[in-house]
Protein backbone atom coordinates (compact mmCIF):
# COMPACT_ATOMS: atom_id res chain seq x y z
CA UNK A 1 141.72 60.28 -197.99
CA UNK A 2 140.85 63.73 -199.26
CA UNK A 3 137.73 64.26 -201.36
CA UNK A 4 137.47 67.27 -203.67
CA UNK A 5 135.15 68.31 -206.46
CA UNK A 6 136.46 68.25 -210.00
CA UNK A 7 136.15 72.05 -210.32
CA UNK A 8 138.38 72.57 -207.29
CA UNK A 9 140.82 69.98 -208.62
CA UNK A 10 140.96 71.80 -211.95
CA UNK A 11 141.75 75.10 -210.27
CA UNK A 12 144.45 73.67 -208.01
CA UNK A 13 145.63 70.61 -209.94
CA UNK A 14 149.35 71.13 -209.36
CA UNK A 15 148.81 71.53 -205.61
CA UNK A 16 146.51 68.48 -205.49
CA UNK A 17 149.14 66.38 -207.28
CA UNK A 18 151.93 67.63 -205.01
CA UNK A 19 149.92 66.87 -201.87
CA UNK A 20 149.14 63.35 -203.06
CA UNK A 21 152.80 62.71 -203.94
CA UNK A 22 154.19 64.13 -200.69
CA UNK A 23 151.65 62.49 -198.38
CA UNK A 24 151.30 59.19 -200.30
CA UNK A 25 147.56 59.68 -199.91
CA UNK A 26 145.10 59.14 -202.77
CA UNK A 27 142.64 61.93 -203.55
CA UNK A 28 139.05 61.19 -204.53
CA UNK A 29 137.87 63.59 -207.21
CA UNK A 30 134.10 63.81 -207.53
CA UNK A 31 132.37 64.95 -210.66
CA UNK A 32 128.71 65.58 -211.31
CA UNK A 33 128.14 61.93 -212.25
CA UNK A 34 131.28 59.94 -211.40
CA UNK A 35 134.25 59.69 -209.09
CA UNK A 36 137.92 58.94 -209.74
CA UNK A 37 141.03 58.55 -207.62
CA UNK A 38 144.28 60.44 -208.07
CA UNK A 39 147.28 58.40 -206.91
CA UNK A 40 150.94 59.41 -207.01
CA UNK A 41 152.84 57.59 -209.76
CA UNK A 42 155.32 55.96 -207.36
CA UNK A 43 152.41 54.69 -205.25
CA UNK A 44 150.60 53.41 -208.35
CA UNK A 45 153.72 51.56 -209.49
CA UNK A 46 154.08 50.00 -206.03
CA UNK A 47 150.44 48.88 -206.11
CA UNK A 48 150.90 47.36 -209.57
CA UNK A 49 154.08 45.54 -208.50
CA UNK A 50 152.34 44.15 -205.41
CA UNK A 51 149.39 42.94 -207.47
CA UNK A 52 151.74 41.33 -209.98
CA UNK A 53 153.77 39.56 -207.29
CA UNK A 54 150.66 38.29 -205.54
CA UNK A 55 149.50 36.68 -208.81
CA UNK A 56 152.56 34.40 -208.81
CA UNK A 57 151.52 31.07 -207.24
CA UNK A 58 153.08 30.65 -203.80
CA UNK A 59 154.63 34.14 -203.75
CA UNK A 60 152.47 35.38 -200.86
CA UNK A 61 153.48 32.42 -198.72
CA UNK A 62 157.17 32.82 -199.63
CA UNK A 63 157.08 36.50 -198.71
CA UNK A 64 155.42 35.76 -195.37
CA UNK A 65 157.94 32.99 -194.65
CA UNK A 66 160.79 35.36 -195.46
CA UNK A 67 159.34 37.99 -193.13
CA UNK A 68 159.23 35.43 -190.30
CA UNK A 69 162.80 34.26 -190.88
CA UNK A 70 165.29 35.86 -188.47
CA UNK A 71 168.08 37.80 -190.18
CA UNK A 72 170.66 35.55 -188.51
CA UNK A 73 169.26 32.61 -190.47
CA UNK A 74 169.58 34.37 -193.80
CA UNK A 75 172.54 33.76 -196.09
CA UNK A 76 175.36 36.26 -195.95
CA UNK A 77 177.09 37.72 -198.97
CA UNK A 78 179.91 35.17 -198.61
CA UNK A 79 177.47 32.24 -198.63
CA UNK A 80 175.75 33.16 -201.88
CA UNK A 81 176.90 31.37 -205.02
CA UNK A 82 175.80 33.58 -207.88
């Protein structure tokens, strides 16, 4: 994770944003008193979705079970009754 000072971030903000978006890597921006993290919007949305899903009771276990299930055991398009 890159760390840059707020003054450098101000001078090169567009480049800092582009690098974070392209690399999917957060950037720590340090100020004189505090720090913040710049995260690409798509990455932020993915983080929020993950946090939301993990708040649903049993969701973590269901996801892990699904990951362990071989594809051959999954329903095919013809088997689904929507």
